[in-house]
Each structure stands twice: as C-alpha cells, then as structure tokens.
Amino acid sequence: MVLDKKQRRKKLGNGEILQEASPDQASTISSCLDQIKIAWKKQPNTIAGIWNDWPKLAGDPLSLHCKPLSLRRGVLTVGASHPQWLQALQYSRPQLIARLRAEGNRIKELRIQQYHPLKTIRNKETDLQIWEKHPSRVDIHGITTCNECNAPAPSGEIKLWGMCGFCRRKLLSNEVTYKN
C-alpha cells in the first residue's frame, strides 16, 4: 500500500492505523521577510526592488528626502518632499537613470513630482497648537510697553521683535517702500 506524504503508519497492538503526518516546521516571520527581500533583489524591474536599493542608488541626501513612488511601463516616478529636493533630483536625473540601468532596471523615463509623506503631515502642528504659543497672546506671555511707541504691547512680541506688532508692520512696510 502506497501512503500519501501527509499520512504515516502507526502500530497499535497487532494492527496499524494511518495517521496524518506532523505539519512541516513553521518558519518565523523574520525568515519569511528575509526570503521576500531576497526575491525582491532578484527582480530589479519592480518598484520593490528599486525601493530596496534606493539608498544605494540615490545616495544619502537624496534618499532621505526623495522616494520612488511608482514604476509603470518603464517610467519611474520619484517624489520629493520639498522644492529644493525637486531641483536636486532634476540636476541628478542623468546619473540616477544611469545607476538604475546599471543595476539592471529597464527605465525609459524618470518623472519627478512633489509629495508629502504621511509622517511629515502627522508631525505638523495644528492651528490651535500654533495659536497657544503665538507671541501676541497677552494671556500667556503677559503685557509690557513697546520700545518704539511706548504703547502697551504683548511681551511675546517685544521679546521676538523688540517692538510691538504695529511698529513691526510699519517697519516692514517702510522697508518694502524703500526697496521699490
């Protein structure tokens, strides 16, 4: 009698019974993730492969502020978190395409766009948090006298600009008038 791989014989008294074989050894999650990473490295023409090699391909400054977003029909879209990094990507576009192609990626075109990663958006302060620290808040910073016009003014404004907000606006509007 030929036994299925999932079955095995076990003696019981004078006879035998068929039992299911014990399950294969379970692998840990980390070993599964390692196998997935190895598979990604073997497939260079995928966004996962590019994402995995991105720090090596783009270099430290660019890789921290720019991320590959999508790869469709040989067009790689890379997002930059700030306009200065958009410009840096524009300048390094030929070198980046060359590195990608040298790694075996069939990239026809590199598109660059601005994007805002979620972790940056989550870390931004809310309007209420900004208002709680605003220098014009008399209830938090107190009140004092302006050094320019001797009028009562919030201490936060005096500490920040050396004058009240009204004198600061006058000063800034005079600077704009003189520059034009």
N, C-alpha and C. Protein backbone atom coordinates (compact mmCIF):
# COMPACT_ATOMS: atom_id res chain seq x y z
N MET A 1 0.84 -1.17 0.00
CA MET A 1 0.00 0.00 0.00
C MET A 1 0.89 1.24 0.00
N VAL A 2 0.62 2.16 -0.95
CA VAL A 2 1.40 3.39 -1.06
C VAL A 2 0.71 4.46 -0.21
N LEU A 3 1.50 5.10 0.64
CA LEU A 3 0.95 6.12 1.54
C LEU A 3 1.16 7.52 0.97
N ASP A 4 0.17 8.33 1.21
CA ASP A 4 0.29 9.73 0.86
C ASP A 4 1.34 10.36 1.78
N LYS A 5 2.00 11.45 1.31
CA LYS A 5 3.02 12.10 2.13
C LYS A 5 2.44 12.65 3.43
N LYS A 6 1.16 12.94 3.42
CA LYS A 6 0.54 13.52 4.61
C LYS A 6 0.09 12.45 5.60
N GLN A 7 0.30 11.18 5.25
CA GLN A 7 -0.11 10.11 6.15
C GLN A 7 1.09 9.27 6.56
N ARG A 8 0.99 8.64 7.70
CA ARG A 8 2.04 7.72 8.14
C ARG A 8 1.38 6.60 8.94
N ARG A 9 2.09 5.50 9.05
CA ARG A 9 1.57 4.33 9.77
C ARG A 9 2.01 4.37 11.22
N LYS A 10 1.12 3.90 12.06
CA LYS A 10 1.45 3.80 13.47
C LYS A 10 0.91 2.46 13.96
N LYS A 11 1.77 1.75 14.66
CA LYS A 11 1.36 0.43 15.16
C LYS A 11 0.53 0.61 16.41
N LEU A 12 -0.52 -0.17 16.46
CA LEU A 12 -1.41 -0.16 17.60
C LEU A 12 -1.77 -1.62 17.90
N GLY A 13 -1.14 -2.16 18.93
CA GLY A 13 -1.37 -3.56 19.23
C GLY A 13 -0.86 -4.44 18.10
N ASN A 14 -1.73 -5.36 17.59
CA ASN A 14 -1.35 -6.23 16.48
C ASN A 14 -1.55 -5.57 15.11
N GLY A 15 -2.24 -4.44 15.09
CA GLY A 15 -2.55 -3.82 13.80
C GLY A 15 -1.83 -2.49 13.61
N GLU A 16 -2.22 -1.81 12.55
CA GLU A 16 -1.67 -0.49 12.24
C GLU A 16 -2.81 0.47 11.95
N ILE A 17 -2.57 1.69 12.26
CA ILE A 17 -3.54 2.72 11.87
C ILE A 17 -2.80 3.80 11.07
N LEU A 18 -3.54 4.45 10.21
CA LEU A 18 -2.96 5.54 9.44
C LEU A 18 -3.24 6.86 10.16
N GLN A 19 -2.20 7.64 10.28
CA GLN A 19 -2.34 8.95 10.91
C GLN A 19 -1.78 10.01 9.97
N GLU A 20 -2.29 11.22 10.12
CA GLU A 20 -1.73 12.31 9.33
C GLU A 20 -0.34 12.62 9.86
N ALA A 21 0.54 12.95 8.94
CA ALA A 21 1.91 13.29 9.32
C ALA A 21 1.91 14.63 10.05
N SER A 22 2.91 14.84 10.88
CA SER A 22 3.01 16.11 11.60
C SER A 22 3.27 17.23 10.59
N PRO A 23 2.77 18.40 10.87
CA PRO A 23 2.96 19.50 9.93
C PRO A 23 4.43 19.87 9.80
N ASP A 24 4.78 20.48 8.65
CA ASP A 24 6.15 20.91 8.45
C ASP A 24 6.52 21.95 9.49
N GLN A 25 7.80 22.08 9.70
CA GLN A 25 8.30 23.05 10.67
C GLN A 25 7.85 24.46 10.27
N ALA A 26 7.26 25.17 11.19
CA ALA A 26 6.82 26.54 10.91
C ALA A 26 8.03 27.46 10.88
N SER A 27 8.00 28.42 9.94
CA SER A 27 9.11 29.36 9.86
C SER A 27 8.71 30.66 10.54
N THR A 28 9.70 31.38 11.01
CA THR A 28 9.43 32.64 11.71
C THR A 28 9.10 33.73 10.70
N ILE A 29 8.47 34.77 11.19
CA ILE A 29 8.11 35.88 10.33
C ILE A 29 9.36 36.55 9.77
N SER A 30 10.39 36.68 10.59
CA SER A 30 11.61 37.34 10.10
C SER A 30 12.25 36.55 8.96
N SER A 31 12.22 35.21 9.05
CA SER A 31 12.79 34.43 7.94
C SER A 31 11.94 34.56 6.69
N CYS A 32 10.63 34.68 6.84
CA CYS A 32 9.75 34.91 5.69
C CYS A 32 10.06 36.27 5.05
N LEU A 33 10.25 37.29 5.88
CA LEU A 33 10.58 38.62 5.35
C LEU A 33 11.93 38.61 4.66
N ASP A 34 12.88 37.88 5.21
CA ASP A 34 14.19 37.77 4.56
C ASP A 34 14.07 37.11 3.19
N GLN A 35 13.23 36.10 3.09
CA GLN A 35 13.02 35.44 1.80
C GLN A 35 12.37 36.39 0.79
N ILE A 36 11.45 37.22 1.27
CA ILE A 36 10.81 38.19 0.38
C ILE A 36 11.82 39.22 -0.10
N LYS A 37 12.70 39.70 0.81
CA LYS A 37 13.73 40.66 0.42
C LYS A 37 14.66 40.08 -0.64
N ILE A 38 15.03 38.82 -0.47
CA ILE A 38 15.89 38.16 -1.45
C ILE A 38 15.18 38.07 -2.79
N ALA A 39 13.90 37.76 -2.77
CA ALA A 39 13.13 37.69 -4.01
C ALA A 39 13.04 39.06 -4.67
N TRP A 40 12.90 40.13 -3.88
CA TRP A 40 12.85 41.48 -4.43
C TRP A 40 14.17 41.83 -5.11
N LYS A 41 15.28 41.47 -4.48
CA LYS A 41 16.58 41.78 -5.08
C LYS A 41 16.79 41.06 -6.40
N LYS A 42 16.19 39.89 -6.53
CA LYS A 42 16.34 39.14 -7.77
C LYS A 42 15.48 39.71 -8.89
N GLN A 43 14.52 40.57 -8.56
CA GLN A 43 13.64 41.16 -9.56
C GLN A 43 13.88 42.67 -9.62
N PRO A 44 14.88 43.10 -10.40
CA PRO A 44 15.24 44.52 -10.39
C PRO A 44 14.19 45.43 -11.03
N ASN A 45 13.36 44.93 -11.91
CA ASN A 45 12.39 45.77 -12.61
C ASN A 45 11.07 45.89 -11.88
N THR A 46 11.11 45.91 -10.58
CA THR A 46 9.91 46.10 -9.77
C THR A 46 10.14 47.30 -8.85
N ILE A 47 9.06 47.93 -8.45
CA ILE A 47 9.18 49.07 -7.53
C ILE A 47 9.77 48.61 -6.20
N ALA A 48 9.47 47.37 -5.80
CA ALA A 48 10.02 46.85 -4.55
C ALA A 48 11.53 46.71 -4.63
N GLY A 49 12.04 46.25 -5.77
CA GLY A 49 13.48 46.13 -5.95
C GLY A 49 14.16 47.48 -5.92
N ILE A 50 13.55 48.47 -6.56
CA ILE A 50 14.12 49.83 -6.57
C ILE A 50 14.03 50.43 -5.17
N TRP A 51 12.92 50.24 -4.51
CA TRP A 51 12.73 50.76 -3.15
C TRP A 51 13.79 50.18 -2.21
N ASN A 52 14.05 48.89 -2.35
CA ASN A 52 15.03 48.22 -1.51
C ASN A 52 16.44 48.79 -1.72
N ASP A 53 16.79 49.11 -2.96
CA ASP A 53 18.14 49.60 -3.29
C ASP A 53 18.22 51.12 -3.32
N TRP A 54 17.16 51.82 -3.00
CA TRP A 54 17.10 53.26 -3.16
C TRP A 54 18.23 54.02 -2.46
N PRO A 55 18.57 53.73 -1.21
CA PRO A 55 19.67 54.48 -0.58
C PRO A 55 20.99 54.33 -1.34
N LYS A 56 21.24 53.14 -1.89
CA LYS A 56 22.47 52.92 -2.65
C LYS A 56 22.40 53.63 -4.01
N LEU A 57 21.24 53.63 -4.63
CA LEU A 57 21.08 54.23 -5.95
C LEU A 57 21.11 55.76 -5.91
N ALA A 58 20.40 56.35 -4.97
CA ALA A 58 20.25 57.80 -4.93
C ALA A 58 21.29 58.49 -4.05
N GLY A 59 21.90 57.77 -3.14
CA GLY A 59 22.83 58.40 -2.20
C GLY A 59 22.08 58.89 -0.97
N ASP A 60 22.84 59.17 0.08
CA ASP A 60 22.23 59.52 1.36
C ASP A 60 21.35 60.77 1.33
N PRO A 61 21.81 61.92 0.83
CA PRO A 61 20.95 63.10 0.92
C PRO A 61 19.64 62.95 0.15
N LEU A 62 19.73 62.46 -1.08
CA LEU A 62 18.52 62.32 -1.89
C LEU A 62 17.59 61.23 -1.35
N SER A 63 18.17 60.13 -0.91
CA SER A 63 17.32 59.01 -0.46
C SER A 63 16.53 59.35 0.79
N LEU A 64 17.01 60.28 1.60
CA LEU A 64 16.28 60.68 2.80
C LEU A 64 15.08 61.57 2.48
N HIS A 65 15.16 62.34 1.39
CA HIS A 65 14.12 63.31 1.09
C HIS A 65 13.33 63.00 -0.19
N CYS A 66 13.73 61.97 -0.91
CA CYS A 66 13.06 61.60 -2.16
C CYS A 66 12.81 60.10 -2.16
N LYS A 67 11.65 59.69 -2.63
CA LYS A 67 11.28 58.27 -2.61
C LYS A 67 10.71 57.85 -3.95
N PRO A 68 11.03 56.62 -4.40
CA PRO A 68 10.36 56.10 -5.59
C PRO A 68 8.90 55.81 -5.26
N LEU A 69 8.00 56.31 -6.10
CA LEU A 69 6.57 56.17 -5.82
C LEU A 69 5.90 55.10 -6.67
N SER A 70 6.28 55.03 -7.96
CA SER A 70 5.65 54.04 -8.83
C SER A 70 6.56 53.73 -10.01
N LEU A 71 6.34 52.55 -10.59
CA LEU A 71 7.06 52.12 -11.79
C LEU A 71 6.03 51.48 -12.71
N ARG A 72 5.77 52.16 -13.83
CA ARG A 72 4.78 51.65 -14.79
C ARG A 72 5.34 51.79 -16.19
N ARG A 73 5.43 50.66 -16.90
CA ARG A 73 5.88 50.63 -18.29
C ARG A 73 7.21 51.34 -18.49
N GLY A 74 8.12 51.15 -17.57
CA GLY A 74 9.46 51.72 -17.69
C GLY A 74 9.57 53.16 -17.24
N VAL A 75 8.51 53.73 -16.71
CA VAL A 75 8.53 55.12 -16.23
C VAL A 75 8.53 55.09 -14.70
N LEU A 76 9.63 55.54 -14.13
CA LEU A 76 9.77 55.59 -12.68
C LEU A 76 9.38 56.98 -12.21
N THR A 77 8.44 57.05 -11.27
CA THR A 77 8.03 58.32 -10.68
C THR A 77 8.67 58.41 -9.30
N VAL A 78 9.40 59.51 -9.09
CA VAL A 78 10.08 59.74 -7.81
C VAL A 78 9.49 60.99 -7.20
N GLY A 79 9.17 60.94 -5.92
CA GLY A 79 8.61 62.08 -5.21
C GLY A 79 9.63 62.74 -4.31
N ALA A 80 9.59 64.06 -4.26
CA ALA A 80 10.49 64.83 -3.40
C ALA A 80 9.65 65.59 -2.39
N SER A 81 10.14 65.68 -1.16
CA SER A 81 9.36 66.27 -0.07
C SER A 81 9.43 67.79 -0.03
N HIS A 82 10.31 68.41 -0.79
CA HIS A 82 10.47 69.86 -0.74
C HIS A 82 10.97 70.34 -2.10
N PRO A 83 10.65 71.58 -2.50
CA PRO A 83 11.10 72.07 -3.81
C PRO A 83 12.61 72.02 -4.02
N GLN A 84 13.40 72.22 -2.98
CA GLN A 84 14.85 72.14 -3.15
C GLN A 84 15.28 70.73 -3.53
N TRP A 85 14.58 69.72 -3.05
CA TRP A 85 14.91 68.34 -3.41
C TRP A 85 14.39 68.00 -4.79
N LEU A 86 13.31 68.67 -5.23
CA LEU A 86 12.87 68.52 -6.61
C LEU A 86 13.98 68.99 -7.55
N GLN A 87 14.57 70.14 -7.23
CA GLN A 87 15.64 70.68 -8.05
C GLN A 87 16.88 69.78 -8.01
N ALA A 88 17.19 69.26 -6.83
CA ALA A 88 18.34 68.35 -6.73
C ALA A 88 18.11 67.09 -7.57
N LEU A 89 16.88 66.59 -7.58
CA LEU A 89 16.56 65.43 -8.42
C LEU A 89 16.69 65.77 -9.90
N GLN A 90 16.26 66.97 -10.29
CA GLN A 90 16.39 67.38 -11.69
C GLN A 90 17.85 67.39 -12.11
N TYR A 91 18.72 67.93 -11.26
CA TYR A 91 20.14 68.00 -11.59
C TYR A 91 20.80 66.63 -11.64
N SER A 92 20.35 65.73 -10.78
CA SER A 92 20.99 64.41 -10.73
C SER A 92 20.24 63.36 -11.56
N ARG A 93 19.25 63.78 -12.34
CA ARG A 93 18.44 62.86 -13.14
C ARG A 93 19.29 61.95 -14.04
N PRO A 94 20.24 62.48 -14.84
CA PRO A 94 21.02 61.58 -15.73
C PRO A 94 21.82 60.53 -14.95
N GLN A 95 22.43 60.94 -13.85
CA GLN A 95 23.21 59.98 -13.05
C GLN A 95 22.32 58.92 -12.42
N LEU A 96 21.15 59.34 -11.96
CA LEU A 96 20.21 58.40 -11.34
C LEU A 96 19.70 57.38 -12.36
N ILE A 97 19.37 57.83 -13.55
CA ILE A 97 18.93 56.91 -14.61
C ILE A 97 20.05 55.93 -14.95
N ALA A 98 21.28 56.44 -15.03
CA ALA A 98 22.43 55.57 -15.34
C ALA A 98 22.63 54.51 -14.26
N ARG A 99 22.51 54.91 -12.99
CA ARG A 99 22.66 53.93 -11.90
C ARG A 99 21.56 52.88 -11.93
N LEU A 100 20.33 53.33 -12.19
CA LEU A 100 19.21 52.39 -12.26
C LEU A 100 19.42 51.38 -13.39
N ARG A 101 19.85 51.86 -14.54
CA ARG A 101 20.09 50.97 -15.67
C ARG A 101 21.26 50.04 -15.40
N ALA A 102 22.28 50.53 -14.71
CA ALA A 102 23.44 49.68 -14.39
C ALA A 102 23.05 48.53 -13.46
N GLU A 103 22.02 48.75 -12.64
CA GLU A 103 21.54 47.70 -11.73
C GLU A 103 20.60 46.72 -12.42
N GLY A 104 20.34 46.93 -13.72
CA GLY A 104 19.50 46.01 -14.46
C GLY A 104 18.05 46.44 -14.61
N ASN A 105 17.72 47.65 -14.18
CA ASN A 105 16.36 48.16 -14.32
C ASN A 105 16.19 48.75 -15.71
N ARG A 106 15.09 48.39 -16.36
CA ARG A 106 14.80 48.92 -17.69
C ARG A 106 13.97 50.18 -17.56
N ILE A 107 14.62 51.27 -17.22
CA ILE A 107 13.96 52.55 -17.02
C ILE A 107 14.06 53.36 -18.31
N LYS A 108 12.90 53.77 -18.83
CA LYS A 108 12.86 54.60 -20.03
C LYS A 108 12.87 56.08 -19.67
N GLU A 109 12.15 56.40 -18.59
CA GLU A 109 11.97 57.80 -18.23
C GLU A 109 11.90 57.92 -16.71
N LEU A 110 12.32 59.07 -16.22
CA LEU A 110 12.26 59.35 -14.78
C LEU A 110 11.40 60.60 -14.60
N ARG A 111 10.25 60.45 -13.95
CA ARG A 111 9.38 61.58 -13.67
C ARG A 111 9.56 61.99 -12.22
N ILE A 112 9.49 63.28 -12.00
CA ILE A 112 9.71 63.81 -10.65
C ILE A 112 8.50 64.62 -10.26
N GLN A 113 8.02 64.41 -9.03
CA GLN A 113 6.88 65.17 -8.53
C GLN A 113 7.06 65.43 -7.05
N GLN A 114 6.34 66.43 -6.56
CA GLN A 114 6.38 66.72 -5.13
C GLN A 114 5.37 65.84 -4.41
N TYR A 115 5.75 65.36 -3.26
CA TYR A 115 4.84 64.56 -2.43
C TYR A 115 5.10 64.88 -0.97
N HIS A 116 4.11 64.63 -0.16
CA HIS A 116 4.23 64.89 1.27
C HIS A 116 4.00 63.59 2.00
N PRO A 117 5.06 63.00 2.55
CA PRO A 117 4.88 61.74 3.27
C PRO A 117 3.98 61.92 4.48
N LEU A 118 3.26 60.87 4.81
CA LEU A 118 2.30 60.94 5.91
C LEU A 118 2.94 61.28 7.24
N LYS A 119 4.14 60.78 7.49
CA LYS A 119 4.74 61.06 8.79
C LYS A 119 5.05 62.55 8.95
N THR A 120 5.36 63.25 7.86
CA THR A 120 5.58 64.68 7.93
C THR A 120 4.28 65.41 8.22
N ILE A 121 3.21 64.99 7.58
CA ILE A 121 1.92 65.63 7.79
C ILE A 121 1.45 65.41 9.23
N ARG A 122 1.67 64.25 9.76
CA ARG A 122 1.23 63.95 11.14
C ARG A 122 1.98 64.79 12.16
N ASN A 123 3.23 65.15 11.86
CA ASN A 123 4.04 65.89 12.81
C ASN A 123 3.77 67.39 12.79
N LYS A 124 3.02 67.87 11.82
CA LYS A 124 2.73 69.30 11.76
C LYS A 124 1.81 69.69 12.90
N GLU A 125 2.03 70.91 13.38
CA GLU A 125 1.21 71.40 14.47
C GLU A 125 -0.16 71.83 13.97
N THR A 126 -1.13 71.67 14.79
CA THR A 126 -2.48 72.14 14.44
C THR A 126 -2.55 73.65 14.67
N ASP A 127 -3.57 74.27 14.12
CA ASP A 127 -3.76 75.71 14.29
C ASP A 127 -3.88 76.07 15.77
N LEU A 128 -4.55 75.23 16.53
CA LEU A 128 -4.72 75.50 17.96
C LEU A 128 -3.37 75.47 18.68
N GLN A 129 -2.51 74.50 18.34
CA GLN A 129 -1.19 74.42 18.96
C GLN A 129 -0.34 75.64 18.62
N ILE A 130 -0.43 76.10 17.38
CA ILE A 130 0.33 77.28 16.97
C ILE A 130 -0.18 78.51 17.72
N TRP A 131 -1.50 78.65 17.81
CA TRP A 131 -2.08 79.80 18.49
C TRP A 131 -1.73 79.81 19.97
N GLU A 132 -1.62 78.65 20.59
CA GLU A 132 -1.28 78.58 22.02
C GLU A 132 0.11 79.15 22.30
N LYS A 133 1.01 79.09 21.32
CA LYS A 133 2.37 79.61 21.50
C LYS A 133 2.59 80.97 20.83
N HIS A 134 1.57 81.55 20.23
CA HIS A 134 1.72 82.78 19.44
C HIS A 134 2.23 83.93 20.31
N PRO A 135 3.16 84.75 19.79
CA PRO A 135 3.74 85.83 20.60
C PRO A 135 2.76 86.94 20.96
N SER A 136 1.63 87.03 20.26
CA SER A 136 0.65 88.10 20.54
C SER A 136 -0.30 87.74 21.67
N ARG A 137 -0.19 86.56 22.24
CA ARG A 137 -1.09 86.13 23.31
C ARG A 137 -0.71 86.81 24.62
N VAL A 138 -1.51 87.78 25.03
CA VAL A 138 -1.28 88.51 26.28
C VAL A 138 -1.55 87.61 27.48
N ASP A 139 -2.53 86.72 27.36
CA ASP A 139 -2.89 85.87 28.49
C ASP A 139 -1.79 84.86 28.82
N ILE A 140 -0.89 84.58 27.89
CA ILE A 140 0.19 83.64 28.14
C ILE A 140 1.51 84.36 28.43
N HIS A 141 1.85 85.33 27.58
CA HIS A 141 3.15 86.00 27.67
C HIS A 141 3.14 87.24 28.56
N GLY A 142 1.98 87.77 28.82
CA GLY A 142 1.89 88.99 29.63
C GLY A 142 1.93 90.23 28.76
N ILE A 143 1.95 91.40 29.43
CA ILE A 143 1.91 92.67 28.71
C ILE A 143 3.03 93.57 29.23
N THR A 144 3.57 94.36 28.33
CA THR A 144 4.64 95.30 28.68
C THR A 144 4.49 96.54 27.78
N THR A 145 5.47 97.39 27.75
CA THR A 145 5.43 98.60 26.94
C THR A 145 6.35 98.45 25.74
N CYS A 146 5.86 98.93 24.56
CA CYS A 146 6.64 98.85 23.33
C CYS A 146 7.84 99.80 23.43
N ASN A 147 8.99 99.38 22.97
CA ASN A 147 10.21 100.19 22.99
C ASN A 147 10.17 101.33 21.98
N GLU A 148 9.33 101.25 20.96
CA GLU A 148 9.26 102.25 19.90
C GLU A 148 8.19 103.31 20.17
N CYS A 149 6.96 102.86 20.44
CA CYS A 149 5.83 103.81 20.56
C CYS A 149 5.35 103.98 22.01
N ASN A 150 5.93 103.26 22.95
CA ASN A 150 5.57 103.32 24.37
C ASN A 150 4.12 102.96 24.65
N ALA A 151 3.48 102.23 23.75
CA ALA A 151 2.10 101.76 23.95
C ALA A 151 2.14 100.39 24.60
N PRO A 152 1.06 99.98 25.27
CA PRO A 152 1.02 98.63 25.83
C PRO A 152 1.10 97.60 24.70
N ALA A 153 1.87 96.54 24.93
CA ALA A 153 2.07 95.52 23.88
C ALA A 153 2.32 94.16 24.54
N PRO A 154 2.00 93.07 23.83
CA PRO A 154 2.28 91.72 24.37
C PRO A 154 3.79 91.51 24.55
N SER A 155 4.16 90.93 25.67
CA SER A 155 5.58 90.67 25.95
C SER A 155 6.22 89.74 24.92
N GLY A 156 5.43 88.82 24.38
CA GLY A 156 5.96 87.89 23.37
C GLY A 156 6.43 88.61 22.11
N GLU A 157 5.69 89.67 21.70
CA GLU A 157 6.10 90.45 20.53
C GLU A 157 7.37 91.23 20.82
N ILE A 158 7.46 91.84 21.99
CA ILE A 158 8.64 92.62 22.37
C ILE A 158 9.86 91.70 22.42
N LYS A 159 9.68 90.52 22.98
CA LYS A 159 10.79 89.57 23.08
C LYS A 159 11.23 89.10 21.69
N LEU A 160 10.28 88.90 20.78
CA LEU A 160 10.58 88.38 19.46
C LEU A 160 11.16 89.45 18.53
N TRP A 161 10.53 90.65 18.48
CA TRP A 161 10.94 91.66 17.51
C TRP A 161 11.57 92.90 18.13
N GLY A 162 11.46 93.06 19.45
CA GLY A 162 11.97 94.27 20.10
C GLY A 162 11.00 95.43 20.01
N MET A 163 9.81 95.19 19.49
CA MET A 163 8.77 96.21 19.34
C MET A 163 7.42 95.52 19.22
N CYS A 164 6.35 96.29 19.27
CA CYS A 164 5.01 95.71 19.15
C CYS A 164 4.72 95.36 17.69
N GLY A 165 3.64 94.62 17.47
CA GLY A 165 3.28 94.19 16.13
C GLY A 165 2.97 95.35 15.19
N PHE A 166 2.38 96.45 15.71
CA PHE A 166 2.06 97.61 14.88
C PHE A 166 3.34 98.30 14.40
N CYS A 167 4.28 98.49 15.30
CA CYS A 167 5.56 99.10 14.91
C CYS A 167 6.33 98.20 13.95
N ARG A 168 6.24 96.91 14.17
CA ARG A 168 6.89 95.94 13.27
C ARG A 168 6.31 96.04 11.86
N ARG A 169 4.97 96.15 11.76
CA ARG A 169 4.34 96.29 10.44
C ARG A 169 4.77 97.59 9.76
N LYS A 170 4.85 98.67 10.52
CA LYS A 170 5.30 99.94 9.95
C LYS A 170 6.73 99.80 9.42
N LEU A 171 7.59 99.17 10.21
CA LEU A 171 8.98 98.99 9.81
C LEU A 171 9.08 98.16 8.53
N LEU A 172 8.34 97.08 8.46
CA LEU A 172 8.38 96.22 7.28
C LEU A 172 7.80 96.91 6.06
N SER A 173 6.73 97.70 6.23
CA SER A 173 6.14 98.40 5.07
C SER A 173 7.09 99.50 4.58
N ASN A 174 7.82 100.14 5.48
CA ASN A 174 8.82 101.16 5.06
C ASN A 174 9.97 100.50 4.30
N GLU A 175 10.39 99.31 4.72
CA GLU A 175 11.46 98.60 4.02
C GLU A 175 11.03 98.24 2.61
N VAL A 176 9.79 97.81 2.43
CA VAL A 176 9.27 97.47 1.12
C VAL A 176 9.20 98.71 0.24
N THR A 177 8.77 99.85 0.81
CA THR A 177 8.67 101.10 0.05
C THR A 177 10.06 101.54 -0.42
N TYR A 178 11.07 101.45 0.43
CA TYR A 178 12.42 101.88 0.07
C TYR A 178 13.05 100.99 -0.98
N LYS A 179 12.73 99.69 -0.94
CA LYS A 179 13.32 98.74 -1.91
C LYS A 179 12.77 98.97 -3.32
N ASN A 180 11.52 99.42 -3.43
CA ASN A 180 10.90 99.62 -4.75
C ASN A 180 11.28 100.94 -5.25
